[in-house]
Amino acid sequence: MVKVTELGYLGLNISDAQAWRNYATEVVGLEVLDEGESDRFFLRMDNWHHRFVMHVGKQDDMAYMGWRVADSGALKAMEQQLRDAGVEYRVASNEEAAERHVLGLLKLKDPSGIPTEIFCGPRIDNHLPFHPGRRMHGKFVTGAEGLGHCLIAAKDPAATWNFYSLLGLTGAVGYHLETPMGVAKPFFMHCNDRHHSVAFGVPSEKFLNHMMLEYTALNDLGMAHDIVRQRGFPVALQLGKHSNDDALTFYSGSPSGWLMELGWGSCKSQTQEQYHLLDVFGHGPEATGMGLDVKL
């Protein structure tokens, strides 16, 4: 069985380009890469050409998720795997692959309709070192662990688990959480050493509930927290430590309304199942109505 190796890139639909440029650089510490395309710009967090494509328009939600496989042979094998499972997909044109700055690309959708891309051969710009948008003590956790993780919508959690299992991810329910609509049992799935690359099982009006980016230095998380507080961004969940991935994080509103979880110190992926009722400490609820009204 061929497996994806990382969550490599995300496409995001945004309505306020300038707000995102400011937020991404001055708050998070990402680098803006503008190549003169009027309908998009890129965000960098390491030596990849980009990790995020910011599509400027009228919507605010995830546009697509990009999952990497090792090489062109693995991409061909993934095609066969999808065919055998009866999953609809198409092979992207050379022009579409070039638009993503990759060597090969498949396009499909997950059970909730989230556009999903499987690719090989991303463009790596070692000649263009990552330049953070603000001063940083360290860098972002990427490399073999991919860009971070996303909590996504799942109309049918069982079908969603089956779909991502077919792509080679593993994982299970990680929490039993009290929500205004009852007990949520979110799934957490991984494909490498990152504790999880995708999660689902919390009600979400949009494709994207939140995404998490991790710093290598605790000081950078502290600086981001200070900047968020100083600039008055809403905080949905206060600073706290998760029980499942051991990460110190907080959740703030982004210019698109969905949440950005910034964190530090996550443990690695686990091989045996377990679940939790509460976090270690913190993560008290603050701003509500942002898609994560849970008791952690």
Protein backbone atom coordinates (compact mmCIF):
# COMPACT_ATOMS: atom_id res chain seq x y z
CA MET A 1 0.00 0.00 0.00
CA VAL A 2 1.34 3.41 -0.98
CA LYS A 3 0.97 6.16 1.62
CA VAL A 4 1.07 9.93 1.66
CA THR A 5 4.08 11.26 3.54
CA GLU A 6 3.00 14.72 4.68
CA LEU A 7 0.47 17.51 4.47
CA GLY A 8 2.55 19.56 2.06
CA TYR A 9 0.51 22.65 1.16
CA LEU A 10 -2.87 24.31 1.54
CA GLY A 11 -4.89 26.54 -0.75
CA LEU A 12 -6.96 29.12 1.12
CA ASN A 13 -9.74 31.35 -0.24
CA ILE A 14 -9.55 34.79 1.38
CA SER A 15 -11.51 38.01 0.96
CA ASP A 16 -9.13 40.51 2.62
CA ALA A 17 -5.67 40.19 1.11
CA GLN A 18 -4.07 43.07 3.01
CA ALA A 19 -5.36 41.88 6.38
CA TRP A 20 -3.88 38.47 5.64
CA ARG A 21 -0.52 39.90 4.56
CA ASN A 22 -0.32 41.79 7.85
CA TYR A 23 -1.53 38.90 10.00
CA ALA A 24 0.65 36.25 8.37
CA THR A 25 3.84 38.28 8.66
CA GLU A 26 3.47 40.48 11.72
CA VAL A 27 1.59 38.04 13.96
CA VAL A 28 2.49 34.52 12.84
CA GLY A 29 5.93 35.19 11.32
CA LEU A 30 5.34 33.75 7.84
CA GLU A 31 6.93 35.18 4.70
CA VAL A 32 4.86 36.66 1.87
CA LEU A 33 5.97 35.74 -1.64
CA ASP A 34 4.25 37.85 -4.31
CA GLU A 35 4.97 36.88 -7.90
CA GLY A 36 2.71 39.51 -9.45
CA GLU A 37 -0.42 37.39 -9.84
CA SER A 38 -3.43 39.58 -9.14
CA ASP A 39 -5.61 36.77 -7.80
CA ARG A 40 -3.12 35.12 -5.44
CA PHE A 41 0.01 35.33 -3.37
CA PHE A 42 2.02 32.75 -1.46
CA LEU A 43 3.10 32.23 2.14
CA ARG A 44 6.39 30.52 3.00
CA MET A 45 7.50 28.91 6.27
CA ASP A 46 10.65 27.09 5.17
CA ASN A 47 12.63 26.50 1.96
CA TRP A 48 9.67 25.28 -0.09
CA HIS A 49 8.51 27.66 -2.80
CA HIS A 50 5.34 27.97 -0.72
CA ARG A 51 3.27 26.18 1.87
CA PHE A 52 0.12 28.27 1.36
CA VAL A 53 -1.54 29.67 -1.74
CA MET A 54 -3.77 32.59 -0.78
CA HIS A 55 -6.52 32.90 -3.42
CA VAL A 56 -8.05 36.37 -3.24
CA GLY A 57 -11.79 36.57 -3.89
CA LYS A 58 -15.08 36.80 -2.03
CA GLN A 59 -14.94 33.58 0.00
CA ASP A 60 -13.13 32.66 3.21
CA ASP A 61 -12.47 28.94 3.51
CA MET A 62 -10.12 26.16 2.54
CA ALA A 63 -9.72 25.80 -1.22
CA TYR A 64 -7.78 22.51 -1.22
CA MET A 65 -5.38 20.30 0.74
CA GLY A 66 -2.15 19.00 -0.82
CA TRP A 67 -0.82 15.61 0.31
CA ARG A 68 2.65 14.51 -0.78
CA VAL A 69 3.83 11.09 -1.94
CA ALA A 70 7.47 10.14 -2.26
CA ASP A 71 7.93 10.17 -6.04
CA SER A 72 6.31 9.67 -9.44
CA GLY A 73 6.21 5.90 -8.94
CA ALA A 74 4.28 6.34 -5.71
CA LEU A 75 1.90 8.73 -7.47
CA LYS A 76 1.19 6.07 -10.13
CA ALA A 77 0.65 3.49 -7.39
CA MET A 78 -1.76 5.87 -5.64
CA GLU A 79 -3.75 6.10 -8.87
CA GLN A 80 -4.17 2.32 -8.88
CA GLN A 81 -5.07 2.36 -5.20
CA LEU A 82 -7.80 4.93 -5.80
CA ARG A 83 -9.13 3.02 -8.83
CA ASP A 84 -9.27 -0.24 -6.92
CA ALA A 85 -11.24 1.47 -4.13
CA GLY A 86 -13.69 3.08 -6.58
CA VAL A 87 -12.65 6.63 -5.67
CA GLU A 88 -13.10 9.19 -8.45
CA TYR A 89 -10.02 11.22 -9.34
CA ARG A 90 -8.33 12.80 -12.32
CA VAL A 91 -4.75 13.30 -13.36
CA ALA A 92 -3.98 17.02 -13.48
CA SER A 93 -2.54 18.54 -16.63
CA ASN A 94 1.08 19.64 -16.86
CA GLU A 95 -0.15 23.22 -16.63
CA GLU A 96 -2.07 22.50 -13.43
CA ALA A 97 0.95 20.77 -11.90
CA ALA A 98 3.14 23.73 -12.86
CA GLU A 99 0.63 26.07 -11.21
CA ARG A 100 1.17 24.16 -7.96
CA HIS A 101 4.96 24.07 -8.50
CA VAL A 102 5.03 20.25 -8.38
CA LEU A 103 6.07 17.51 -10.82
CA GLY A 104 2.90 15.41 -10.67
CA LEU A 105 -0.63 15.91 -9.37
CA LEU A 106 -3.90 14.04 -8.81
CA LYS A 107 -7.18 15.81 -8.00
CA LEU A 108 -10.13 14.34 -6.06
CA LYS A 109 -12.51 15.17 -3.20
CA ASP A 110 -12.94 13.75 0.27
CA PRO A 111 -16.40 12.55 1.44
CA SER A 112 -17.36 16.07 2.59
CA GLY A 113 -16.44 17.58 -0.77
CA ILE A 114 -13.12 19.08 0.33
CA PRO A 115 -10.88 19.39 -2.75
CA THR A 116 -7.92 17.09 -2.19
CA GLU A 117 -4.68 16.96 -4.15
CA ILE A 118 -2.00 14.28 -4.08
CA PHE A 119 1.34 15.38 -5.49
CA CYS A 120 4.98 14.50 -5.88
CA GLY A 121 8.09 16.57 -6.43
CA PRO A 122 7.49 19.97 -4.81
CA ARG A 123 9.71 22.88 -5.79
CA ILE A 124 12.35 23.51 -3.12
CA ASP A 125 14.07 26.91 -3.23
CA ASN A 126 17.32 26.40 -1.34
CA HIS A 127 18.65 29.49 -3.11
CA LEU A 128 15.95 31.56 -1.38
CA PRO A 129 16.27 31.12 2.39
CA PHE A 130 13.11 31.56 4.45
CA HIS A 131 12.87 35.15 5.71
CA PRO A 132 10.31 35.50 8.54
CA GLY A 133 7.89 38.37 8.47
CA ARG A 134 8.86 39.36 12.02
CA ARG A 135 11.82 38.59 14.27
CA MET A 136 11.90 34.95 15.39
CA HIS A 137 14.04 33.05 17.89
CA GLY A 138 13.69 29.79 15.97
CA LYS A 139 11.71 28.54 13.00
CA PHE A 140 8.62 26.49 12.17
CA VAL A 141 8.39 22.73 12.60
CA THR A 142 8.16 21.39 9.04
CA GLY A 143 10.58 19.02 7.26
CA ALA A 144 9.36 15.42 7.22
CA GLU A 145 6.41 16.43 9.45
CA GLY A 146 4.78 18.68 6.86
CA LEU A 147 3.34 22.12 7.47
CA GLY A 148 1.16 21.42 10.51
CA HIS A 149 -2.37 20.11 10.94
CA CYS A 150 -5.95 21.01 10.07
CA LEU A 151 -9.28 20.34 11.73
CA ILE A 152 -11.74 19.89 8.87
CA ALA A 153 -15.45 19.35 8.36
CA ALA A 154 -16.65 15.74 8.16
CA LYS A 155 -20.29 15.15 7.26
CA ASP A 156 -19.73 11.43 7.75
CA PRO A 157 -16.83 10.75 10.17
CA ALA A 158 -16.72 7.02 9.37
CA ALA A 159 -16.50 7.66 5.61
CA THR A 160 -13.92 10.37 6.24
CA TRP A 161 -11.81 7.97 8.30
CA ASN A 162 -12.02 5.39 5.52
CA PHE A 163 -10.95 7.95 2.92
CA TYR A 164 -7.88 9.17 4.78
CA SER A 165 -7.02 5.59 5.73
CA LEU A 166 -6.98 4.82 2.01
CA LEU A 167 -4.40 7.60 1.59
CA GLY A 168 -2.27 5.91 4.23
CA LEU A 169 -3.07 7.90 7.37
CA THR A 170 -3.72 6.13 10.66
CA GLY A 171 -5.40 7.23 13.88
CA ALA A 172 -8.59 7.15 15.92
CA VAL A 173 -10.79 9.12 18.31
CA GLY A 174 -8.63 11.19 20.65
CA TYR A 175 -11.13 13.03 22.89
CA HIS A 176 -14.67 12.90 24.21
CA LEU A 177 -15.55 16.61 24.36
CA GLU A 178 -18.59 18.43 25.73
CA THR A 179 -20.10 20.81 23.15
CA PRO A 180 -23.40 22.75 23.04
CA MET A 181 -24.65 20.03 20.65
CA GLY A 182 -23.55 17.06 22.79
CA VAL A 183 -20.38 15.00 23.12
CA ALA A 184 -17.98 15.34 20.19
CA LYS A 185 -15.54 12.52 19.49
CA PRO A 186 -12.90 13.97 17.16
CA PHE A 187 -10.53 11.76 15.17
CA PHE A 188 -6.81 12.51 14.86
CA MET A 189 -4.85 10.93 11.99
CA HIS A 190 -1.15 10.97 11.15
CA CYS A 191 1.13 9.96 8.28
CA ASN A 192 4.57 10.76 9.75
CA ASP A 193 6.16 11.75 13.06
CA ARG A 194 3.81 14.72 13.54
CA HIS A 195 1.21 13.73 16.12
CA HIS A 196 -1.57 14.37 13.60
CA SER A 197 -1.87 16.06 10.23
CA VAL A 198 -5.66 16.03 9.97
CA ALA A 199 -8.46 15.92 12.52
CA PHE A 200 -12.25 15.87 12.18
CA GLY A 201 -15.38 15.12 14.16
CA VAL A 202 -16.18 18.56 15.58
CA PRO A 203 -19.17 20.28 13.89
CA SER A 204 -17.91 22.86 11.38
CA GLU A 205 -19.82 25.17 9.04
CA LYS A 206 -16.76 25.63 6.82
CA PHE A 207 -14.35 23.11 5.34
CA LEU A 208 -11.67 24.50 7.66
CA ASN A 209 -12.28 24.85 11.39
CA HIS A 210 -8.68 25.65 12.28
CA MET A 211 -5.10 24.95 11.30
CA MET A 212 -2.13 24.56 13.60
CA LEU A 213 1.42 25.77 13.01
CA GLU A 214 4.18 24.84 15.44
CA TYR A 215 7.26 26.84 16.46
CA THR A 216 10.58 25.26 17.40
CA ALA A 217 11.16 27.95 20.06
CA LEU A 218 8.82 28.62 22.97
CA ASN A 219 9.75 32.31 22.78
CA ASP A 220 8.15 32.57 19.34
CA LEU A 221 4.86 31.22 20.67
CA GLY A 222 5.06 33.74 23.51
CA MET A 223 5.73 36.60 21.09
CA ALA A 224 2.78 35.56 18.90
CA HIS A 225 0.54 35.42 21.96
CA ASP A 226 1.62 38.92 23.03
CA ILE A 227 1.00 40.34 19.54
CA VAL A 228 -2.45 38.75 19.33
CA ARG A 229 -3.38 40.24 22.70
CA GLN A 230 -1.90 43.66 21.93
CA ARG A 231 -3.76 43.92 18.62
CA GLY A 232 -7.06 42.70 19.98
CA PHE A 233 -7.54 39.57 17.90
CA PRO A 234 -10.28 37.37 19.42
CA VAL A 235 -9.02 34.34 21.34
CA ALA A 236 -11.37 31.35 21.29
CA LEU A 237 -9.28 29.09 23.52
CA GLN A 238 -6.73 30.55 25.90
CA LEU A 239 -3.17 29.33 26.30
CA GLY A 240 -3.12 25.72 27.46
CA LYS A 241 -1.61 22.27 27.02
CA HIS A 242 -3.31 19.48 25.09
CA SER A 243 -3.52 15.99 26.54
CA ASN A 244 -3.31 14.17 23.21
CA ASP A 245 -0.30 15.80 21.53
CA ASP A 246 1.24 17.47 24.63
CA ALA A 247 1.48 20.80 22.75
CA LEU A 248 1.27 24.21 24.41
CA THR A 249 -1.10 26.23 22.19
CA PHE A 250 -3.75 28.91 21.91
CA TYR A 251 -6.46 29.54 19.30
CA SER A 252 -7.08 32.99 17.84
CA GLY A 253 -9.31 34.29 15.09
CA SER A 254 -7.79 34.83 11.66
CA PRO A 255 -8.81 37.52 9.14
CA SER A 256 -10.99 34.87 7.47
CA GLY A 257 -12.93 33.96 10.61
CA TRP A 258 -11.66 30.43 11.09
CA LEU A 259 -9.16 29.78 13.86
CA MET A 260 -5.37 29.71 13.88
CA GLU A 261 -3.82 27.46 16.50
CA LEU A 262 -0.22 28.41 17.23
CA GLY A 263 1.81 26.03 19.35
CA TRP A 264 5.06 24.62 20.64
CA GLY A 265 6.36 21.35 22.07
CA SER A 266 4.14 18.71 20.51
CA CYS A 267 4.97 15.06 21.06
CA LYS A 268 5.39 12.67 18.14
CA SER A 269 2.73 10.41 16.64
CA GLN A 270 1.68 7.38 18.64
CA THR A 271 1.16 3.76 17.61
CA GLN A 272 -1.52 2.82 20.14
CA GLU A 273 -4.97 4.32 20.72
CA GLN A 274 -6.02 6.34 23.74
CA TYR A 275 -8.55 9.09 24.45
CA HIS A 276 -8.95 12.01 26.85
CA LEU A 277 -11.74 13.96 28.55
CA LEU A 278 -9.84 17.14 29.43
CA ASP A 279 -6.60 18.91 28.61
CA VAL A 280 -3.68 19.13 31.04
CA PHE A 281 -4.35 22.80 31.86
CA GLY A 282 -5.66 26.02 30.34
CA HIS A 283 -7.50 26.32 27.02
CA GLY A 284 -10.32 28.12 28.80
CA PRO A 285 -13.05 29.32 26.39
CA GLU A 286 -13.12 33.04 25.66
CA ALA A 287 -14.53 34.29 22.34
CA THR A 288 -17.46 32.08 21.28
CA GLY A 289 -19.14 31.36 17.97
CA MET A 290 -15.88 30.68 16.16
CA GLY A 291 -16.39 26.97 15.57
CA LEU A 292 -14.65 25.55 18.63
CA ASP A 293 -17.00 26.02 21.59
CA VAL A 294 -15.69 23.04 23.54
CA LYS A 295 -14.65 22.33 27.10
CA LEU A 296 -10.97 21.34 27.07
